[in-house]
Amino acid sequence: MTEWALHCFKAYDIRGIAHDELDEEFANRLGKALGTFLSASNIAVGRDIRESSPSLHSAFVTGLMQSGVNVHDLGICTTGTLYHATSVLEVDGGVMITASHNPPEYNGFKMCRGTAAMAGREIQDLRETFECGEFMSPDIFGEHLILEGFVDQHLDAVISATGPITRPVNVVIDAANAVPGPFLVSVAEKLGTTGIALHCEWDNTFPHHAPDPTRPKNMIDLSDAVQTTKAEFGLGVDGDGDRIGVVDEQGRFIHPDRLLAVFAADILREIPDEASRDTRTIIHDVKCSMALEHTIRENGGFPHMMRTGHSFLKQALREMPNCPLAGEMSGHFFFNDRWNGFDDALYAFSRLVELVARRLPNGEPFSSLFDEIPDFPSTGEAKVPLVGEREQIMSAVKDAFSDLDTNHSDGVRVRYDGNLDVNAGWFLCRPSNTEPILVMRAEADSKNGLDAIQEDVERRIGKIIDLSIFHAA
């Protein structure tokens, strides 16, 4: 009996080591399981450029067809293109074969039911279908429909939804040799930007740096190029094209929640005061700075904090369809005003270029966009090893902070306002859904306040968790 790597069914996707945990037999069985689970007739499929993607793609497509599904094959594309396909094609769902920013030896499957990204319990239900092996077996196999030119249709839709650009913008783009590279260059050309393209040729070994633009160490090449060429800003994208990160004109890394604050303020300024609450609500995850909440309120909006996870934020947008924007600390941006609410790096890049051209008409510094956003002292996003049983550790953390105002929507976020002589501040401890780590971050309105919070965290949970990485972040 085959031992399947069932641990690869994660909270947001399926991900593991290619040719080992995820091989062609696994991919074929997954195709049959997904077709059965969704009772699907038509599914869109795209893939990235990883060495293992062609063989996994072929086996997966065959499995879908064996379960009677017509496969609308997008070929090599970004995850944003796959999401776009689910919203404009007559399909029951979509699948992107990718491992995003993970090292080259990984691969995986991001899945949608209809336009909704599958996550949480739904993926575990799919795992049960996969494991039991009772699949649909129709007399007629599904068709393999190759959609040549669909990527170009997606790029045209991006440009159309962005609107006209009022002046050329000088920007450096760095795709880390991952799948978005050539598509990002095409969008830049259509927008009429000036500047250079860095690491935009495909190379699935990612020779220069990992395709994760939310880690400052991966933005060094971009930072240097921006300063050398005197560009207005620099933009990086992740491995499958659903996240972005930026550096300013001096090459300084900008945390994604600060960029989200810029987008939020820009959108809210155009919404009438008498508009509904949902129309003025901005959704963000628990890792974001309180500077974002401040900016949203200052511009007449309502911040809505929720658990981390791109699938969960998109679900919240479906429940509040008038909400114009959502975003995460991880660099996912969900525009829901002139776009379809999906996280698409190509569209986020286009919207940023449009905003820069309009808000900085005379080439004012990119960094001036952030002048009105508070910059509070904070730790970095610390990834603390999770040693022990997850539920037991998190239960102990909850108990340790039970006397303070806490939010348990995703781990434990503790509000320190009015405690320890801290006017405003917070601490977060949440277990990662993809790695055996605890994600921790703290912030306060003063350096003394941040020190006081870190000392209090050490006093409360330092005996059950090694906090050295948190203190050094």
Protein backbone atom coordinates (compact mmCIF):
# COMPACT_ATOMS: atom_id res chain seq x y z
CA MET A 1 0.00 0.00 0.00
CA THR A 2 1.35 3.42 -0.99
CA GLU A 3 2.27 5.74 1.89
CA TRP A 4 1.03 9.15 0.80
CA ALA A 5 2.59 12.36 2.15
CA LEU A 6 -0.64 13.56 3.74
CA HIS A 7 1.23 16.12 5.84
CA CYS A 8 1.64 18.13 2.62
CA PHE A 9 -2.01 19.19 2.88
CA LYS A 10 -1.44 22.54 4.60
CA ALA A 11 -3.72 25.36 5.73
CA TYR A 12 -3.62 27.30 2.45
CA ASP A 13 -2.37 24.81 -0.13
CA ILE A 14 -0.59 21.51 -0.74
CA ARG A 15 3.20 21.83 -0.60
CA GLY A 16 6.21 19.54 -0.23
CA ILE A 17 9.44 18.19 -1.70
CA ALA A 18 9.00 17.40 -5.40
CA HIS A 19 9.81 13.88 -6.68
CA ASP A 20 9.78 12.71 -3.05
CA GLU A 21 6.71 13.79 -1.11
CA LEU A 22 4.97 15.12 -4.24
CA ASP A 23 5.63 12.85 -7.21
CA GLU A 24 3.71 12.13 -10.42
CA GLU A 25 1.63 9.40 -8.76
CA PHE A 26 0.61 11.83 -6.03
CA ALA A 27 -0.26 14.50 -8.62
CA ASN A 28 -2.36 12.11 -10.68
CA ARG A 29 -4.28 10.94 -7.63
CA LEU A 30 -4.77 14.56 -6.54
CA GLY A 31 -6.28 15.39 -9.93
CA LYS A 32 -8.79 12.57 -9.54
CA ALA A 33 -9.51 13.58 -5.93
CA LEU A 34 -10.07 17.25 -6.74
CA GLY A 35 -12.33 16.51 -9.70
CA THR A 36 -14.37 14.23 -7.45
CA PHE A 37 -14.38 16.57 -4.45
CA LEU A 38 -15.57 19.56 -6.49
CA SER A 39 -17.90 17.51 -8.73
CA ALA A 40 -16.26 19.63 -11.41
CA SER A 41 -16.81 19.75 -15.15
CA ASN A 42 -14.22 22.44 -15.99
CA ILE A 43 -11.07 23.51 -14.14
CA ALA A 44 -8.37 26.04 -15.12
CA VAL A 45 -4.76 24.97 -14.49
CA GLY A 46 -1.52 26.95 -14.60
CA ARG A 47 2.06 26.23 -13.54
CA ASP A 48 5.30 27.93 -12.64
CA ILE A 49 8.80 27.27 -14.04
CA ARG A 50 10.16 24.88 -11.42
CA GLU A 51 12.06 21.85 -12.72
CA SER A 52 9.37 19.53 -11.37
CA SER A 53 6.37 21.53 -12.63
CA PRO A 54 6.04 20.00 -16.15
CA SER A 55 5.86 16.41 -14.91
CA LEU A 56 3.55 17.24 -11.98
CA HIS A 57 1.39 19.30 -14.33
CA SER A 58 1.08 16.45 -16.84
CA ALA A 59 0.17 13.88 -14.18
CA PHE A 60 -2.27 16.21 -12.45
CA VAL A 61 -4.03 17.18 -15.70
CA THR A 62 -4.34 13.51 -16.61
CA GLY A 63 -5.93 12.79 -13.22
CA LEU A 64 -8.47 15.58 -13.72
CA MET A 65 -9.34 14.32 -17.19
CA GLN A 66 -9.70 10.75 -15.88
CA SER A 67 -12.34 12.06 -13.49
CA GLY A 68 -14.24 13.62 -16.39
CA VAL A 69 -12.98 17.20 -16.02
CA ASN A 70 -12.26 19.45 -18.99
CA VAL A 71 -8.91 21.12 -18.27
CA HIS A 72 -8.45 24.72 -19.42
CA ASP A 73 -4.66 24.82 -19.57
CA LEU A 74 -3.14 28.29 -19.08
CA GLY A 75 0.43 27.02 -19.41
CA ILE A 76 3.20 28.94 -17.60
CA CYS A 77 1.65 31.88 -15.78
CA THR A 78 1.43 33.68 -12.46
CA THR A 79 -1.01 32.80 -9.71
CA GLY A 80 -2.69 36.13 -10.44
CA THR A 81 -3.41 34.89 -13.96
CA LEU A 82 -4.95 31.70 -12.54
CA TYR A 83 -7.16 33.75 -10.21
CA HIS A 84 -8.19 35.95 -13.13
CA ALA A 85 -9.11 32.84 -15.11
CA THR A 86 -11.49 31.65 -12.39
CA SER A 87 -13.34 34.97 -12.60
CA VAL A 88 -13.66 35.29 -16.40
CA LEU A 89 -13.81 31.69 -17.67
CA GLU A 90 -16.71 29.25 -17.36
CA VAL A 91 -14.88 26.99 -14.90
CA ASP A 92 -15.72 25.37 -11.58
CA GLY A 93 -12.35 26.19 -10.06
CA GLY A 94 -8.66 26.57 -10.70
CA VAL A 95 -5.29 25.15 -9.68
CA MET A 96 -1.84 26.72 -9.78
CA ILE A 97 1.11 24.33 -9.59
CA THR A 98 3.72 26.26 -7.62
CA ALA A 99 5.61 26.45 -4.35
CA SER A 100 5.73 30.25 -4.42
CA HIS A 101 8.87 31.50 -2.64
CA ASN A 102 10.06 28.11 -1.35
CA PRO A 103 13.45 26.72 -2.48
CA PRO A 104 13.70 25.07 -5.93
CA GLU A 105 13.28 21.51 -4.64
CA TYR A 106 9.72 22.27 -3.44
CA ASN A 107 6.48 22.33 -5.37
CA GLY A 108 2.79 22.41 -4.61
CA PHE A 109 -0.82 23.13 -5.58
CA LYS A 110 -2.89 26.24 -4.84
CA MET A 111 -6.57 25.47 -5.42
CA CYS A 112 -9.81 27.38 -5.90
CA ARG A 113 -13.42 26.26 -5.69
CA GLY A 114 -15.04 28.65 -8.15
CA THR A 115 -13.31 31.97 -7.50
CA ALA A 116 -12.72 31.16 -3.83
CA ALA A 117 -9.28 30.01 -2.69
CA MET A 118 -9.54 26.72 -0.82
CA ALA A 119 -8.18 26.78 2.73
CA GLY A 120 -8.45 25.33 6.20
CA ARG A 121 -11.11 22.66 6.70
CA GLU A 122 -11.86 22.45 2.99
CA ILE A 123 -8.31 21.34 2.19
CA GLN A 124 -8.49 18.72 4.94
CA ASP A 125 -11.78 17.47 3.49
CA LEU A 126 -10.01 17.16 0.13
CA ARG A 127 -7.27 15.20 1.90
CA GLU A 128 -9.87 12.72 3.12
CA THR A 129 -11.17 12.27 -0.45
CA PHE A 130 -7.58 11.82 -1.64
CA GLU A 131 -6.88 9.25 1.06
CA CYS A 132 -10.01 7.12 0.63
CA GLY A 133 -9.46 6.75 -3.13
CA GLU A 134 -13.11 6.58 -4.23
CA PHE A 135 -13.03 8.77 -7.35
CA MET A 136 -15.40 9.51 -10.19
CA SER A 137 -14.69 7.29 -13.21
CA PRO A 138 -16.87 8.42 -16.12
CA ASP A 139 -16.99 6.57 -19.43
CA ILE A 140 -15.69 9.65 -21.27
CA PHE A 141 -12.51 11.44 -20.23
CA GLY A 142 -12.39 15.21 -20.03
CA GLU A 143 -10.80 17.35 -22.75
CA HIS A 144 -7.42 19.09 -22.58
CA LEU A 145 -8.01 22.66 -23.82
CA ILE A 146 -4.82 24.69 -24.28
CA LEU A 147 -5.62 28.40 -23.94
CA GLU A 148 -2.92 30.12 -25.95
CA GLY A 149 -2.93 33.87 -25.45
CA PHE A 150 -4.83 33.89 -22.15
CA VAL A 151 -1.88 35.44 -20.29
CA ASP A 152 -1.94 38.37 -22.72
CA GLN A 153 -5.65 38.80 -22.02
CA HIS A 154 -4.86 38.96 -18.31
CA LEU A 155 -2.16 41.61 -18.83
CA ASP A 156 -4.55 43.70 -20.93
CA ALA A 157 -7.15 43.45 -18.16
CA VAL A 158 -4.55 44.64 -15.63
CA ILE A 159 -3.76 47.73 -17.71
CA SER A 160 -7.42 48.47 -18.41
CA ALA A 161 -8.39 48.29 -14.73
CA THR A 162 -5.43 50.42 -13.67
CA GLY A 163 -6.41 53.38 -15.81
CA PRO A 164 -4.21 55.97 -17.53
CA ILE A 165 -0.76 56.83 -16.18
CA THR A 166 -0.23 60.59 -16.00
CA ARG A 167 3.56 60.56 -16.38
CA PRO A 168 6.41 58.07 -16.89
CA VAL A 169 7.67 56.57 -13.62
CA ASN A 170 11.29 55.45 -13.21
CA VAL A 171 11.17 52.12 -11.38
CA VAL A 172 13.51 49.14 -11.02
CA ILE A 173 11.83 45.72 -10.94
CA ASP A 174 13.37 42.51 -9.55
CA ALA A 175 11.62 39.19 -10.16
CA ALA A 176 14.32 36.95 -8.62
CA ASN A 177 14.35 34.89 -11.86
CA ALA A 178 10.93 33.47 -10.93
CA VAL A 179 7.85 33.04 -13.13
CA PRO A 180 6.53 36.66 -12.93
CA GLY A 181 9.66 38.15 -14.55
CA PRO A 182 8.77 38.39 -18.25
CA PHE A 183 5.14 39.22 -17.45
CA LEU A 184 6.24 42.00 -15.10
CA VAL A 185 8.46 43.42 -17.86
CA SER A 186 5.50 43.35 -20.26
CA VAL A 187 3.29 45.22 -17.80
CA ALA A 188 6.04 47.80 -17.21
CA GLU A 189 6.30 48.36 -20.96
CA LYS A 190 2.53 48.72 -21.33
CA LEU A 191 2.52 51.25 -18.47
CA GLY A 192 5.28 53.23 -20.14
CA THR A 193 7.64 53.13 -17.16
CA THR A 194 11.34 53.85 -17.46
CA GLY A 195 14.01 52.05 -15.45
CA ILE A 196 15.66 48.64 -15.58
CA ALA A 197 14.58 45.03 -15.14
CA LEU A 198 16.68 42.98 -12.73
CA HIS A 199 16.70 39.16 -12.61
CA CYS A 200 13.62 38.97 -14.82
CA GLU A 201 14.85 36.06 -16.96
CA TRP A 202 13.59 32.63 -15.94
CA ASP A 203 16.00 30.49 -13.94
CA ASN A 204 14.37 27.92 -11.67
CA THR A 205 17.48 27.63 -9.49
CA PHE A 206 16.90 31.21 -8.25
CA PRO A 207 20.66 31.92 -8.44
CA HIS A 208 20.66 35.48 -7.09
CA HIS A 209 18.28 35.35 -4.13
CA ALA A 210 15.04 33.72 -2.99
CA PRO A 211 11.83 35.07 -4.59
CA ASP A 212 10.45 36.53 -1.37
CA PRO A 213 10.28 40.36 -1.46
CA THR A 214 9.15 40.74 2.15
CA ARG A 215 12.61 39.76 3.47
CA PRO A 216 15.09 42.67 3.38
CA LYS A 217 17.98 40.30 2.57
CA ASN A 218 16.29 39.48 -0.76
CA MET A 219 15.97 43.17 -1.65
CA ILE A 220 19.68 44.08 -1.55
CA ASP A 221 20.24 43.82 -5.31
CA LEU A 222 17.12 45.90 -5.89
CA SER A 223 18.19 48.50 -3.34
CA ASP A 224 21.62 48.87 -4.93
CA ALA A 225 20.14 49.19 -8.43
CA VAL A 226 17.64 51.86 -7.34
CA GLN A 227 20.41 53.97 -5.82
CA THR A 228 22.81 53.44 -8.74
CA THR A 229 20.25 54.35 -11.41
CA LYS A 230 18.53 57.05 -9.30
CA ALA A 231 15.15 55.38 -9.80
CA GLU A 232 12.06 56.57 -7.93
CA PHE A 233 11.51 53.24 -6.21
CA GLY A 234 12.12 49.52 -6.61
CA LEU A 235 9.65 46.65 -6.70
CA GLY A 236 10.16 42.96 -5.99
CA VAL A 237 7.72 40.09 -6.53
CA ASP A 238 7.46 36.63 -5.03
CA GLY A 239 7.87 33.29 -6.75
CA ASP A 240 4.37 32.88 -8.17
CA GLY A 241 3.30 36.49 -8.58
CA ASP A 242 0.76 37.19 -5.87
CA ARG A 243 2.87 39.34 -3.49
CA ILE A 244 5.01 42.46 -3.80
CA GLY A 245 7.58 44.36 -1.74
CA VAL A 246 9.19 47.76 -2.30
CA VAL A 247 12.23 49.90 -1.52
CA ASP A 248 12.20 53.70 -1.65
CA GLU A 249 14.44 56.06 -3.64
CA GLN A 250 17.23 55.60 -1.11
CA GLY A 251 16.99 51.82 -1.30
CA ARG A 252 15.35 51.52 2.12
CA PHE A 253 13.07 48.54 2.65
CA ILE A 254 9.41 49.47 3.21
CA HIS A 255 7.34 47.05 5.27
CA PRO A 256 4.24 45.94 3.33
CA ASP A 257 1.83 47.15 6.01
CA ARG A 258 3.13 50.71 5.46
CA LEU A 259 2.51 50.36 1.73
CA LEU A 260 -0.97 49.08 2.56
CA ALA A 261 -1.52 52.26 4.58
CA VAL A 262 -0.61 54.37 1.51
CA PHE A 263 -3.06 52.44 -0.67
CA ALA A 264 -5.75 52.64 2.02
CA ALA A 265 -5.42 56.40 2.47
CA ASP A 266 -5.47 56.97 -1.28
CA ILE A 267 -8.65 54.94 -1.76
CA LEU A 268 -10.45 56.30 1.31
CA ARG A 269 -9.88 59.92 0.23
CA GLU A 270 -12.08 59.29 -2.79
CA ILE A 271 -14.97 57.74 -0.83
CA PRO A 272 -17.75 60.12 0.35
CA ASP A 273 -18.27 60.48 4.08
CA GLU A 274 -21.88 59.36 3.72
CA ALA A 275 -20.85 56.04 2.14
CA SER A 276 -21.68 52.83 4.00
CA ARG A 277 -19.39 51.46 6.67
CA ASP A 278 -18.43 48.47 4.49
CA THR A 279 -17.40 50.84 1.69
CA ARG A 280 -15.02 52.56 4.11
CA THR A 281 -13.69 49.39 5.75
CA ILE A 282 -10.11 48.24 5.14
CA ILE A 283 -9.30 44.63 6.05
CA HIS A 284 -5.86 43.71 7.42
CA ASP A 285 -4.25 40.82 9.27
CA VAL A 286 -3.09 40.63 12.88
CA LYS A 287 0.58 41.19 12.04
CA CYS A 288 0.05 44.73 10.73
CA SER A 289 1.23 47.85 12.56
CA MET A 290 -1.10 50.02 14.59
CA ALA A 291 0.10 52.79 12.26
CA LEU A 292 -2.16 51.23 9.65
CA GLU A 293 -5.17 51.41 11.97
CA HIS A 294 -4.30 55.06 12.71
CA THR A 295 -4.04 55.92 9.02
CA ILE A 296 -7.33 54.23 8.16
CA ARG A 297 -9.19 56.12 10.90
CA GLU A 298 -7.52 59.44 10.02
CA ASN A 299 -8.88 59.09 6.50
CA GLY A 300 -12.44 58.33 7.55
CA GLY A 301 -12.19 54.55 7.36
CA PHE A 302 -12.77 51.60 9.63
CA PRO A 303 -9.96 49.05 10.24
CA HIS A 304 -11.03 45.41 10.36
CA MET A 305 -8.35 43.13 11.83
CA MET A 306 -8.53 39.37 11.22
CA ARG A 307 -6.44 36.22 11.06
CA THR A 308 -3.49 35.90 8.70
CA GLY A 309 -3.99 34.00 5.45
CA HIS A 310 -4.71 35.15 1.90
CA SER A 311 -7.61 32.70 1.60
CA PHE A 312 -9.26 34.04 4.75
CA LEU A 313 -8.96 37.69 3.69
CA LYS A 314 -10.49 36.90 0.30
CA GLN A 315 -13.35 35.13 2.10
CA ALA A 316 -13.88 38.27 4.20
CA LEU A 317 -14.04 40.35 1.00
CA ARG A 318 -16.75 38.07 -0.36
CA GLU A 319 -18.72 38.59 2.85
CA MET A 320 -18.21 42.38 2.56
CA PRO A 321 -18.34 42.91 -1.21
CA ASN A 322 -18.35 46.71 -0.90
CA CYS A 323 -15.06 46.73 1.02
CA PRO A 324 -12.52 48.31 -1.38
CA LEU A 325 -9.21 46.91 -0.09
CA ALA A 326 -7.58 44.24 2.04
CA GLY A 327 -3.95 43.41 2.69
CA GLU A 328 -1.42 41.50 4.73
CA MET A 329 1.97 42.07 6.29
CA SER A 330 3.22 39.35 3.93
CA GLY A 331 2.73 41.55 0.86
CA HIS A 332 -0.65 40.29 -0.39
CA PHE A 333 -2.79 43.20 -1.60
CA PHE A 334 -6.45 42.65 -2.53
CA PHE A 335 -7.91 45.54 -4.54
CA ASN A 336 -11.68 45.27 -4.64
CA ASP A 337 -12.60 48.64 -6.12
CA ARG A 338 -11.55 48.49 -9.78
CA TRP A 339 -10.19 44.92 -9.61
CA ASN A 340 -11.68 41.57 -8.63
CA GLY A 341 -10.41 41.28 -5.06
CA PHE A 342 -7.57 38.86 -5.86
CA ASP A 343 -3.94 39.17 -4.82
CA ASP A 344 -2.13 39.81 -8.09
CA ALA A 345 1.42 41.20 -8.06
CA LEU A 346 1.09 42.50 -11.62
CA TYR A 347 -2.00 44.51 -10.75
CA ALA A 348 -0.57 45.74 -7.43
CA PHE A 349 2.51 46.96 -9.32
CA SER A 350 0.31 48.75 -11.86
CA ARG A 351 -1.76 50.44 -9.16
CA LEU A 352 1.39 51.58 -7.39
CA VAL A 353 2.81 53.09 -10.58
CA GLU A 354 -0.51 54.88 -11.22
CA LEU A 355 -0.55 56.20 -7.65
CA VAL A 356 3.06 57.44 -7.81
CA ALA A 357 2.48 59.23 -11.10
CA ARG A 358 -0.68 60.92 -9.81
CA ARG A 359 0.37 61.71 -6.23
CA LEU A 360 3.94 62.73 -7.08
CA PRO A 361 3.42 64.62 -10.36
CA ASN A 362 6.75 66.44 -10.28
CA GLY A 363 8.88 63.48 -9.28
CA GLU A 364 8.77 64.16 -5.53
CA PRO A 365 10.54 61.47 -3.45
CA PHE A 366 8.73 58.15 -3.18
CA SER A 367 9.41 58.22 0.56
CA SER A 368 7.23 61.34 0.88
CA LEU A 369 4.19 59.10 0.39
CA PHE A 370 4.83 57.81 3.90
CA ASP A 371 5.29 61.19 5.62
CA GLU A 372 1.81 61.16 7.19
CA ILE A 373 2.04 57.55 8.40
CA PRO A 374 3.39 57.16 11.96
CA ASP A 375 6.55 55.10 12.29
CA PHE A 376 6.35 53.41 15.67
CA PRO A 377 9.24 51.51 17.28
CA SER A 378 8.75 47.80 16.67
CA THR A 379 10.53 44.50 16.54
CA GLY A 380 10.91 42.74 13.25
CA GLU A 381 8.76 39.75 12.41
CA ALA A 382 10.51 37.10 14.52
CA LYS A 383 10.25 33.42 13.59
CA VAL A 384 10.72 31.57 16.87
CA PRO A 385 11.11 27.76 16.69
CA LEU A 386 8.06 25.94 18.03
CA VAL A 387 9.38 23.35 20.47
CA GLY A 388 6.70 21.09 21.89
CA GLU A 389 3.07 20.44 21.13
CA ARG A 390 1.43 23.37 19.35
CA GLU A 391 -1.91 23.46 21.16
CA GLN A 392 -0.29 23.04 24.55
CA ILE A 393 2.19 25.88 23.95
CA MET A 394 -0.49 28.25 22.65
CA SER A 395 -2.79 27.41 25.57
CA ALA A 396 0.02 28.35 27.93
CA VAL A 397 0.57 31.63 26.09
CA LYS A 398 -3.14 32.49 26.32
CA ASP A 399 -3.13 31.78 30.04
CA ALA A 400 -0.02 33.89 30.55
CA PHE A 401 -1.73 37.00 29.15
CA SER A 402 -5.26 36.34 30.43
CA ASP A 403 -5.29 39.51 32.55
CA LEU A 404 -4.76 41.77 29.52
CA ASP A 405 -6.96 42.71 26.55
CA THR A 406 -6.30 39.92 24.02
CA ASN A 407 -7.51 38.98 20.55
CA HIS A 408 -7.54 35.25 19.80
CA SER A 409 -8.58 35.37 16.13
CA ASP A 410 -5.12 34.16 15.13
CA GLY A 411 -2.84 33.14 17.96
CA VAL A 412 -2.68 35.74 20.74
CA ARG A 413 -2.47 39.48 20.08
CA VAL A 414 -2.13 41.39 23.35
CA ARG A 415 -3.04 45.08 23.62
CA TYR A 416 -0.92 46.97 26.17
CA ASP A 417 -2.68 50.34 25.94
CA GLY A 418 -2.63 51.91 29.43
CA ASN A 419 -0.45 49.17 30.94
CA LEU A 420 3.23 49.36 31.99
CA ASP A 421 3.12 53.10 31.24
CA VAL A 422 2.58 52.22 27.56
CA ASN A 423 0.11 54.60 25.92
CA ALA A 424 -0.30 52.34 22.88
CA GLY A 425 1.36 49.04 22.05
CA TRP A 426 0.87 45.35 21.37
CA PHE A 427 2.49 41.91 21.21
CA LEU A 428 1.63 39.06 18.87
CA CYS A 429 2.35 35.35 19.14
CA ARG A 430 0.79 33.17 16.43
CA PRO A 431 1.67 29.69 15.22
CA SER A 432 2.56 29.52 11.55
CA ASN A 433 0.25 27.48 9.34
CA THR A 434 3.12 26.38 7.09
CA GLU A 435 6.17 25.94 9.36
CA PRO A 436 6.91 24.69 12.92
CA ILE A 437 7.46 28.22 14.19
CA LEU A 438 5.81 30.91 16.28
CA VAL A 439 5.58 34.29 14.54
CA MET A 440 6.13 37.09 17.04
CA ARG A 441 6.09 40.87 16.76
CA ALA A 442 5.76 43.77 19.19
CA GLU A 443 5.20 47.50 18.71
CA ALA A 444 4.77 50.55 20.93
CA ASP A 445 4.47 54.30 20.61
CA SER A 446 7.89 54.81 22.19
CA LYS A 447 11.20 52.98 22.53
CA ASN A 448 10.73 52.79 26.30
CA GLY A 449 7.28 51.32 25.75
CA LEU A 450 8.64 48.68 23.38
CA ASP A 451 11.35 47.76 25.89
CA ALA A 452 8.72 47.44 28.62
CA ILE A 453 6.58 45.14 26.43
CA GLN A 454 9.54 42.90 25.58
CA GLU A 455 10.50 42.65 29.25
CA ASP A 456 6.91 41.77 30.17
CA VAL A 457 6.71 39.11 27.45
CA GLU A 458 9.94 37.58 28.75
CA ARG A 459 8.59 37.55 32.30
CA ARG A 460 5.33 35.90 31.28
CA ILE A 461 6.40 33.24 28.74
CA GLY A 462 10.21 33.23 28.79
CA LYS A 463 10.25 30.00 30.79
CA ILE A 464 8.19 28.07 28.23
CA ILE A 465 9.58 29.56 24.98
CA ASP A 466 13.14 30.56 24.05
CA LEU A 467 12.63 34.23 23.13
CA SER A 468 16.18 35.10 22.09
CA ILE A 469 15.19 35.42 18.41
CA PHE A 470 12.23 37.62 19.35
CA HIS A 471 14.42 39.98 21.37
CA ALA A 472 16.98 40.17 18.57
CA ALA A 473 14.43 40.87 15.82
